Amino acid sequence: MSNTTSTVHSYRPARLTVSRVVKLMRAGAGLHCSYSPKAWALSNGWEVGEPVALKVIDRTDIVGVGDCLFGAEFSQTFRYVG
């Protein structure tokens, strides 16, 4: 048995709400989209469900940072700019 405390949280996409994701982003986390396979995750490693991620990026205080592969395509990283 170990005496250390784990700092890894077992959040699943179903547990993260829009307000929780925005709160984490306000504190500095970024929201990333990957395409192989398509998945959303915060920079702290927590997976975010697609329905929640799409609602988050639709907010006016969340912006894409412009890291797309081809010109004016969809950004893959989003930040809070409140």
PDB file of N, CA and C in Angstrom:
ATOM      1  N   MET A   1       0.838  -1.174   0.000  1.00  0.00           N
ATOM      2  CA  MET A   1       0.000   0.000   0.000  1.00  0.00           C
ATOM      3  C   MET A   1       0.887   1.243   0.000  1.00  0.00           C
ATOM      4  N   SER A   2       0.523   2.216  -0.817  1.00  0.00           N
ATOM      5  CA  SER A   2       1.300   3.445  -0.957  1.00  0.00           C
ATOM      6  C   SER A   2       0.767   4.540  -0.039  1.00  0.00           C
ATOM      7  N   ASN A   3       1.663   5.374   0.447  1.00  0.00           N
ATOM      8  CA  ASN A   3       1.277   6.497   1.296  1.00  0.00           C
ATOM      9  C   ASN A   3       1.100   7.786   0.511  1.00  0.00           C
ATOM     10  N   THR A   4       1.249   7.727  -0.796  1.00  0.00           N
ATOM     11  CA  THR A   4       1.105   8.936  -1.607  1.00  0.00           C
ATOM     12  C   THR A   4      -0.333   9.119  -2.042  1.00  0.00           C
ATOM     13  N   THR A   5      -0.709  10.358  -2.286  1.00  0.00           N
ATOM     14  CA  THR A   5      -2.057  10.682  -2.741  1.00  0.00           C
ATOM     15  C   THR A   5      -2.023  10.949  -4.232  1.00  0.00           C
ATOM     16  N   SER A   6      -2.895  10.326  -4.952  1.00  0.00           N
ATOM     17  CA  SER A   6      -2.962  10.528  -6.399  1.00  0.00           C
ATOM     18  C   SER A   6      -3.588  11.881  -6.717  1.00  0.00           C
ATOM     19  N   THR A   7      -3.013  12.579  -7.687  1.00  0.00           N
ATOM     20  CA  THR A   7      -3.570  13.851  -8.133  1.00  0.00           C
ATOM     21  C   THR A   7      -4.342  13.686  -9.437  1.00  0.00           C
ATOM     22  N   VAL A   8      -4.456  12.462  -9.918  1.00  0.00           N
ATOM     23  CA  VAL A   8      -5.186  12.197 -11.153  1.00  0.00           C
ATOM     24  C   VAL A   8      -6.671  12.114 -10.837  1.00  0.00           C
ATOM     25  N   HIS A   9      -7.458  12.862 -11.570  1.00  0.00           N
ATOM     26  CA  HIS A   9      -8.902  12.855 -11.381  1.00  0.00           C
ATOM     27  C   HIS A   9      -9.551  11.981 -12.449  1.00  0.00           C
ATOM     28  N   SER A  10     -10.561  11.259 -12.061  1.00  0.00           N
ATOM     29  CA  SER A  10     -11.204  10.339 -13.007  1.00  0.00           C
ATOM     30  C   SER A  10     -12.449  10.970 -13.626  1.00  0.00           C
ATOM     31  N   TYR A  11     -12.293  12.148 -14.212  1.00  0.00           N
ATOM     32  CA  TYR A  11     -13.429  12.786 -14.876  1.00  0.00           C
ATOM     33  C   TYR A  11     -13.689  12.114 -16.201  1.00  0.00           C
ATOM     34  N   ARG A  12     -14.925  11.845 -16.463  1.00  0.00           N
ATOM     35  CA  ARG A  12     -15.351  11.318 -17.745  1.00  0.00           C
ATOM     36  C   ARG A  12     -16.139  12.409 -18.448  1.00  0.00           C
ATOM     37  N   PRO A  13     -16.258  12.345 -19.780  1.00  0.00           N
ATOM     38  CA  PRO A  13     -16.969  13.401 -20.504  1.00  0.00           C
ATOM     39  C   PRO A  13     -18.352  13.697 -19.946  1.00  0.00           C
ATOM     40  N   ALA A  14     -19.049  12.681 -19.479  1.00  0.00           N
ATOM     41  CA  ALA A  14     -20.408  12.889 -18.978  1.00  0.00           C
ATOM     42  C   ALA A  14     -20.437  13.724 -17.698  1.00  0.00           C
ATOM     43  N   ARG A  15     -19.327  13.815 -17.002  1.00  0.00           N
ATOM     44  CA  ARG A  15     -19.275  14.546 -15.736  1.00  0.00           C
ATOM     45  C   ARG A  15     -18.942  16.022 -15.904  1.00  0.00           C
ATOM     46  N   LEU A  16     -18.374  16.395 -17.020  1.00  0.00           N
ATOM     47  CA  LEU A  16     -17.985  17.787 -17.227  1.00  0.00           C
ATOM     48  C   LEU A  16     -19.116  18.554 -17.906  1.00  0.00           C
ATOM     49  N   THR A  17     -19.571  19.598 -17.239  1.00  0.00           N
ATOM     50  CA  THR A  17     -20.622  20.449 -17.786  1.00  0.00           C
ATOM     51  C   THR A  17     -19.992  21.654 -18.472  1.00  0.00           C
ATOM     52  N   VAL A  18     -20.797  22.395 -19.206  1.00  0.00           N
ATOM     53  CA  VAL A  18     -20.310  23.607 -19.858  1.00  0.00           C
ATOM     54  C   VAL A  18     -19.740  24.568 -18.814  1.00  0.00           C
ATOM     55  N   SER A  19     -20.449  24.789 -17.732  1.00  0.00           N
ATOM     56  CA  SER A  19     -19.978  25.735 -16.718  1.00  0.00           C
ATOM     57  C   SER A  19     -18.673  25.274 -16.074  1.00  0.00           C
ATOM     58  N   ARG A  20     -18.517  23.972 -15.862  1.00  0.00           N
ATOM     59  CA  ARG A  20     -17.269  23.453 -15.269  1.00  0.00           C
ATOM     60  C   ARG A  20     -16.108  23.630 -16.239  1.00  0.00           C
ATOM     61  N   VAL A  21     -16.330  23.344 -17.519  1.00  0.00           N
ATOM     62  CA  VAL A  21     -15.272  23.500 -18.517  1.00  0.00           C
ATOM     63  C   VAL A  21     -14.869  24.970 -18.624  1.00  0.00           C
ATOM     64  N   VAL A  22     -15.837  25.879 -18.665  1.00  0.00           N
ATOM     65  CA  VAL A  22     -15.531  27.312 -18.749  1.00  0.00           C
ATOM     66  C   VAL A  22     -14.771  27.764 -17.504  1.00  0.00           C
ATOM     67  N   LYS A  23     -15.150  27.275 -16.347  1.00  0.00           N
ATOM     68  CA  LYS A  23     -14.447  27.628 -15.108  1.00  0.00           C
ATOM     69  C   LYS A  23     -12.984  27.177 -15.177  1.00  0.00           C
ATOM     70  N   LEU A  24     -12.743  25.987 -15.673  1.00  0.00           N
ATOM     71  CA  LEU A  24     -11.371  25.496 -15.820  1.00  0.00           C
ATOM     72  C   LEU A  24     -10.603  26.308 -16.857  1.00  0.00           C
ATOM     73  N   MET A  25     -11.290  26.696 -17.935  1.00  0.00           N
ATOM     74  CA  MET A  25     -10.638  27.514 -18.954  1.00  0.00           C
ATOM     75  C   MET A  25     -10.342  28.914 -18.429  1.00  0.00           C
ATOM     76  N   ARG A  26     -11.229  29.460 -17.619  1.00  0.00           N
ATOM     77  CA  ARG A  26     -10.992  30.768 -16.999  1.00  0.00           C
ATOM     78  C   ARG A  26      -9.734  30.721 -16.119  1.00  0.00           C
ATOM     79  N   ALA A  27      -9.474  29.554 -15.545  1.00  0.00           N
ATOM     80  CA  ALA A  27      -8.292  29.373 -14.694  1.00  0.00           C
ATOM     81  C   ALA A  27      -7.036  29.059 -15.504  1.00  0.00           C
ATOM     82  N   GLY A  28      -7.158  28.976 -16.853  1.00  0.00           N
ATOM     83  CA  GLY A  28      -5.975  28.810 -17.686  1.00  0.00           C
ATOM     84  C   GLY A  28      -5.932  27.587 -18.581  1.00  0.00           C
ATOM     85  N   ALA A  29      -6.864  26.656 -18.430  1.00  0.00           N
ATOM     86  CA  ALA A  29      -6.853  25.461 -19.279  1.00  0.00           C
ATOM     87  C   ALA A  29      -7.266  25.813 -20.704  1.00  0.00           C
ATOM     88  N   GLY A  30      -6.708  25.112 -21.659  1.00  0.00           N
ATOM     89  CA  GLY A  30      -7.106  25.250 -23.048  1.00  0.00           C
ATOM     90  C   GLY A  30      -7.977  24.069 -23.440  1.00  0.00           C
ATOM     91  N   LEU A  31      -8.825  24.238 -24.437  1.00  0.00           N
ATOM     92  CA  LEU A  31      -9.668  23.163 -24.944  1.00  0.00           C
ATOM     93  C   LEU A  31      -9.141  22.786 -26.322  1.00  0.00           C
ATOM     94  N   HIS A  32      -8.803  21.520 -26.489  1.00  0.00           N
ATOM     95  CA  HIS A  32      -8.184  21.051 -27.726  1.00  0.00           C
ATOM     96  C   HIS A  32      -9.065  20.029 -28.431  1.00  0.00           C
ATOM     97  N   CYS A  33      -9.075  20.111 -29.753  1.00  0.00           N
ATOM     98  CA  CYS A  33      -9.788  19.148 -30.581  1.00  0.00           C
ATOM     99  C   CYS A  33      -8.764  18.378 -31.401  1.00  0.00           C
ATOM    100  N   SER A  34      -8.862  17.059 -31.357  1.00  0.00           N
ATOM    101  CA  SER A  34      -8.012  16.233 -32.223  1.00  0.00           C
ATOM    102  C   SER A  34      -8.924  15.492 -33.187  1.00  0.00           C
ATOM    103  N   TYR A  35      -8.377  15.078 -34.307  1.00  0.00           N
ATOM    104  CA  TYR A  35      -9.215  14.494 -35.350  1.00  0.00           C
ATOM    105  C   TYR A  35      -8.931  13.030 -35.650  1.00  0.00           C
ATOM    106  N   SER A  36      -8.037  12.411 -34.948  1.00  0.00           N
ATOM    107  CA  SER A  36      -7.724  11.028 -35.290  1.00  0.00           C
ATOM    108  C   SER A  36      -7.607  10.171 -34.043  1.00  0.00           C
ATOM    109  N   PRO A  37      -8.665   9.706 -33.441  1.00  0.00           N
ATOM    110  CA  PRO A  37     -10.070   9.947 -33.738  1.00  0.00           C
ATOM    111  C   PRO A  37     -10.516  11.292 -33.183  1.00  0.00           C
ATOM    112  N   LYS A  38     -11.678  11.763 -33.614  1.00  0.00           N
ATOM    113  CA  LYS A  38     -12.168  13.061 -33.151  1.00  0.00           C
ATOM    114  C   LYS A  38     -12.433  12.992 -31.655  1.00  0.00           C
ATOM    115  N   ALA A  39     -11.809  13.891 -30.922  1.00  0.00           N
ATOM    116  CA  ALA A  39     -11.954  13.916 -29.471  1.00  0.00           C
ATOM    117  C   ALA A  39     -11.654  15.313 -28.969  1.00  0.00           C
ATOM    118  N   TRP A  40     -12.275  15.689 -27.865  1.00  0.00           N
ATOM    119  CA  TRP A  40     -12.043  16.973 -27.218  1.00  0.00           C
ATOM    120  C   TRP A  40     -11.446  16.726 -25.843  1.00  0.00           C
ATOM    121  N   ALA A  41     -10.467  17.546 -25.468  1.00  0.00           N
ATOM    122  CA  ALA A  41      -9.852  17.406 -24.146  1.00  0.00           C
ATOM    123  C   ALA A  41      -9.336  18.749 -23.678  1.00  0.00           C
ATOM    124  N   LEU A  42      -9.329  18.931 -22.365  1.00  0.00           N
ATOM    125  CA  LEU A  42      -8.718  20.107 -21.771  1.00  0.00           C
ATOM    126  C   LEU A  42      -7.219  19.880 -21.678  1.00  0.00           C
ATOM    127  N   SER A  43      -6.454  20.950 -21.539  1.00  0.00           N
ATOM    128  CA  SER A  43      -5.003  20.830 -21.467  1.00  0.00           C
ATOM    129  C   SER A  43      -4.537  20.099 -20.208  1.00  0.00           C
ATOM    130  N   ASN A  44      -5.425  19.918 -19.235  1.00  0.00           N
ATOM    131  CA  ASN A  44      -5.060  19.132 -18.054  1.00  0.00           C
ATOM    132  C   ASN A  44      -5.267  17.641 -18.283  1.00  0.00           C
ATOM    133  N   GLY A  45      -5.724  17.268 -19.495  1.00  0.00           N
ATOM    134  CA  GLY A  45      -5.889  15.863 -19.844  1.00  0.00           C
ATOM    135  C   GLY A  45      -7.302  15.333 -19.704  1.00  0.00           C
ATOM    136  N   TRP A  46      -8.213  16.113 -19.155  1.00  0.00           N
ATOM    137  CA  TRP A  46      -9.588  15.656 -18.968  1.00  0.00           C
ATOM    138  C   TRP A  46     -10.327  15.653 -20.295  1.00  0.00           C
ATOM    139  N   GLU A  47     -10.959  14.556 -20.583  1.00  0.00           N
ATOM    140  CA  GLU A  47     -11.748  14.419 -21.802  1.00  0.00           C
ATOM    141  C   GLU A  47     -13.056  15.198 -21.663  1.00  0.00           C
ATOM    142  N   VAL A  48     -13.454  15.870 -22.738  1.00  0.00           N
ATOM    143  CA  VAL A  48     -14.693  16.651 -22.764  1.00  0.00           C
ATOM    144  C   VAL A  48     -15.587  16.071 -23.858  1.00  0.00           C
ATOM    145  N   GLY A  49     -16.826  15.802 -23.541  1.00  0.00           N
ATOM    146  CA  GLY A  49     -17.758  15.274 -24.531  1.00  0.00           C
ATOM    147  C   GLY A  49     -18.013  16.290 -25.633  1.00  0.00           C
ATOM    148  N   GLU A  50     -18.232  15.818 -26.847  1.00  0.00           N
ATOM    149  CA  GLU A  50     -18.427  16.718 -27.986  1.00  0.00           C
ATOM    150  C   GLU A  50     -19.607  17.670 -27.813  1.00  0.00           C
ATOM    151  N   PRO A  51     -20.768  17.224 -27.297  1.00  0.00           N
ATOM    152  CA  PRO A  51     -21.877  18.171 -27.127  1.00  0.00           C
ATOM    153  C   PRO A  51     -21.517  19.337 -26.192  1.00  0.00           C
ATOM    154  N   VAL A  52     -20.768  19.051 -25.135  1.00  0.00           N
ATOM    155  CA  VAL A  52     -20.343  20.101 -24.199  1.00  0.00           C
ATOM    156  C   VAL A  52     -19.318  21.003 -24.874  1.00  0.00           C
ATOM    157  N   ALA A  53     -18.347  20.412 -25.558  1.00  0.00           N
ATOM    158  CA  ALA A  53     -17.304  21.200 -26.217  1.00  0.00           C
ATOM    159  C   ALA A  53     -17.902  22.157 -27.244  1.00  0.00           C
ATOM    160  N   LEU A  54     -18.872  21.694 -28.011  1.00  0.00           N
ATOM    161  CA  LEU A  54     -19.482  22.555 -29.026  1.00  0.00           C
ATOM    162  C   LEU A  54     -20.243  23.721 -28.400  1.00  0.00           C
ATOM    163  N   LYS A  55     -20.857  23.495 -27.257  1.00  0.00           N
ATOM    164  CA  LYS A  55     -21.528  24.593 -26.552  1.00  0.00           C
ATOM    165  C   LYS A  55     -20.511  25.568 -25.977  1.00  0.00           C
ATOM    166  N   VAL A  56     -19.386  25.055 -25.498  1.00  0.00           N
ATOM    167  CA  VAL A  56     -18.338  25.919 -24.942  1.00  0.00           C
ATOM    168  C   VAL A  56     -17.775  26.828 -26.021  1.00  0.00           C
ATOM    169  N   ILE A  57     -17.423  26.276 -27.178  1.00  0.00           N
ATOM    170  CA  ILE A  57     -16.782  27.105 -28.209  1.00  0.00           C
ATOM    171  C   ILE A  57     -17.756  28.049 -28.888  1.00  0.00           C
ATOM    172  N   ASP A  58     -19.041  27.874 -28.642  1.00  0.00           N
ATOM    173  CA  ASP A  58     -20.049  28.783 -29.191  1.00  0.00           C
ATOM    174  C   ASP A  58     -20.175  30.064 -28.362  1.00  0.00           C
ATOM    175  N   ARG A  59     -19.553  30.105 -27.203  1.00  0.00           N
ATOM    176  CA  ARG A  59     -19.624  31.273 -26.321  1.00  0.00           C
ATOM    177  C   ARG A  59     -18.736  32.400 -26.851  1.00  0.00           C
ATOM    178  N   THR A  60     -19.119  33.636 -26.568  1.00  0.00           N
ATOM    179  CA  THR A  60     -18.340  34.785 -27.040  1.00  0.00           C
ATOM    180  C   THR A  60     -17.055  35.003 -26.241  1.00  0.00           C
ATOM    181  N   ASP A  61     -16.952  34.415 -25.050  1.00  0.00           N
ATOM    182  CA  ASP A  61     -15.738  34.577 -24.249  1.00  0.00           C
ATOM    183  C   ASP A  61     -14.730  33.446 -24.469  1.00  0.00           C
ATOM    184  N   ILE A  62     -14.997  32.584 -25.435  1.00  0.00           N
ATOM    185  CA  ILE A  62     -14.088  31.501 -25.820  1.00  0.00           C
ATOM    186  C   ILE A  62     -13.714  31.717 -27.280  1.00  0.00           C
ATOM    187  N   VAL A  63     -12.417  31.738 -27.567  1.00  0.00           N
ATOM    188  CA  VAL A  63     -11.967  31.985 -28.947  1.00  0.00           C
ATOM    189  C   VAL A  63     -10.959  30.937 -29.396  1.00  0.00           C
ATOM    190  N   GLY A  64     -10.971  30.688 -30.703  1.00  0.00           N
ATOM    191  CA  GLY A  64      -9.963  29.821 -31.301  1.00  0.00           C
ATOM    192  C   GLY A  64      -8.653  30.585 -31.408  1.00  0.00           C
ATOM    193  N   VAL A  65      -7.545  29.884 -31.215  1.00  0.00           N
ATOM    194  CA  VAL A  65      -6.249  30.559 -31.254  1.00  0.00           C
ATOM    195  C   VAL A  65      -5.625  30.555 -32.648  1.00  0.00           C
ATOM    196  N   GLY A  66      -6.339  30.009 -33.635  1.00  0.00           N
ATOM    197  CA  GLY A  66      -5.862  30.084 -35.012  1.00  0.00           C
ATOM    198  C   GLY A  66      -4.895  28.998 -35.418  1.00  0.00           C
ATOM    199  N   ASP A  67      -4.881  27.894 -34.714  1.00  0.00           N
ATOM    200  CA  ASP A  67      -3.943  26.813 -35.033  1.00  0.00           C
ATOM    201  C   ASP A  67      -4.584  25.765 -35.937  1.00  0.00           C
ATOM    202  N   CYS A  68      -5.023  26.207 -37.110  1.00  0.00           N
ATOM    203  CA  CYS A  68      -5.647  25.279 -38.054  1.00  0.00           C
ATOM    204  C   CYS A  68      -4.621  24.898 -39.125  1.00  0.00           C
ATOM    205  N   LEU A  69      -4.867  23.794 -39.771  1.00  0.00           N
ATOM    206  CA  LEU A  69      -3.917  23.306 -40.773  1.00  0.00           C
ATOM    207  C   LEU A  69      -4.010  24.037 -42.094  1.00  0.00           C
ATOM    208  N   PHE A  70      -5.222  24.418 -42.514  1.00  0.00           N
ATOM    209  CA  PHE A  70      -5.401  24.983 -43.844  1.00  0.00           C
ATOM    210  C   PHE A  70      -6.157  26.299 -43.785  1.00  0.00           C
ATOM    211  N   GLY A  71      -5.451  27.399 -43.796  1.00  0.00           N
ATOM    212  CA  GLY A  71      -6.059  28.716 -43.880  1.00  0.00           C
ATOM    213  C   GLY A  71      -7.112  29.005 -42.835  1.00  0.00           C
ATOM    214  N   ALA A  72      -8.310  29.320 -43.297  1.00  0.00           N
ATOM    215  CA  ALA A  72      -9.381  29.753 -42.391  1.00  0.00           C
ATOM    216  C   ALA A  72     -10.262  28.592 -41.928  1.00  0.00           C
ATOM    217  N   GLU A  73      -9.669  27.441 -41.732  1.00  0.00           N
ATOM    218  CA  GLU A  73     -10.412  26.276 -41.248  1.00  0.00           C
ATOM    219  C   GLU A  73     -10.677  26.407 -39.750  1.00  0.00           C
ATOM    220  N   PHE A  74     -11.326  25.418 -39.205  1.00  0.00           N
ATOM    221  CA  PHE A  74     -11.689  25.336 -37.803  1.00  0.00           C
ATOM    222  C   PHE A  74     -10.440  25.233 -36.931  1.00  0.00           C
ATOM    223  N   SER A  75     -10.324  26.101 -35.931  1.00  0.00           N
ATOM    224  CA  SER A  75      -9.200  26.060 -35.008  1.00  0.00           C
ATOM    225  C   SER A  75      -9.244  24.778 -34.181  1.00  0.00           C
ATOM    226  N   GLN A  76      -8.099  24.307 -33.729  1.00  0.00           N
ATOM    227  CA  GLN A  76      -8.046  23.098 -32.914  1.00  0.00           C
ATOM    228  C   GLN A  76      -7.842  23.395 -31.432  1.00  0.00           C
ATOM    229  N   THR A  77      -7.506  24.622 -31.087  1.00  0.00           N
ATOM    230  CA  THR A  77      -7.300  24.995 -29.692  1.00  0.00           C
ATOM    231  C   THR A  77      -8.106  26.242 -29.381  1.00  0.00           C
ATOM    232  N   PHE A  78      -8.745  26.229 -28.232  1.00  0.00           N
ATOM    233  CA  PHE A  78      -9.606  27.339 -27.808  1.00  0.00           C
ATOM    234  C   PHE A  78      -9.203  27.791 -26.414  1.00  0.00           C
ATOM    235  N   ARG A  79      -9.309  29.107 -26.170  1.00  0.00           N
ATOM    236  CA  ARG A  79      -8.934  29.724 -24.899  1.00  0.00           C
ATOM    237  C   ARG A  79     -10.040  30.648 -24.411  1.00  0.00           C
ATOM    238  N   TYR A  80     -10.056  30.855 -23.122  1.00  0.00           N
ATOM    239  CA  TYR A  80     -10.968  31.804 -22.500  1.00  0.00           C
ATOM    240  C   TYR A  80     -10.355  33.199 -22.612  1.00  0.00           C
ATOM    241  N   VAL A  81     -11.140  34.187 -23.034  1.00  0.00           N
ATOM    242  CA  VAL A  81     -10.632  35.549 -23.157  1.00  0.00           C
ATOM    243  C   VAL A  81     -11.442  36.549 -22.328  1.00  0.00           C
ATOM    244  N   GLY A  82     -12.528  36.075 -21.706  1.00  0.00           N
ATOM    245  CA  GLY A  82     -13.426  36.864 -20.862  1.00  0.00           C
ATOM    246  C   GLY A  82     -13.078  38.262 -20.761  1.00  0.00           C
TER     247      GLY A  82
END
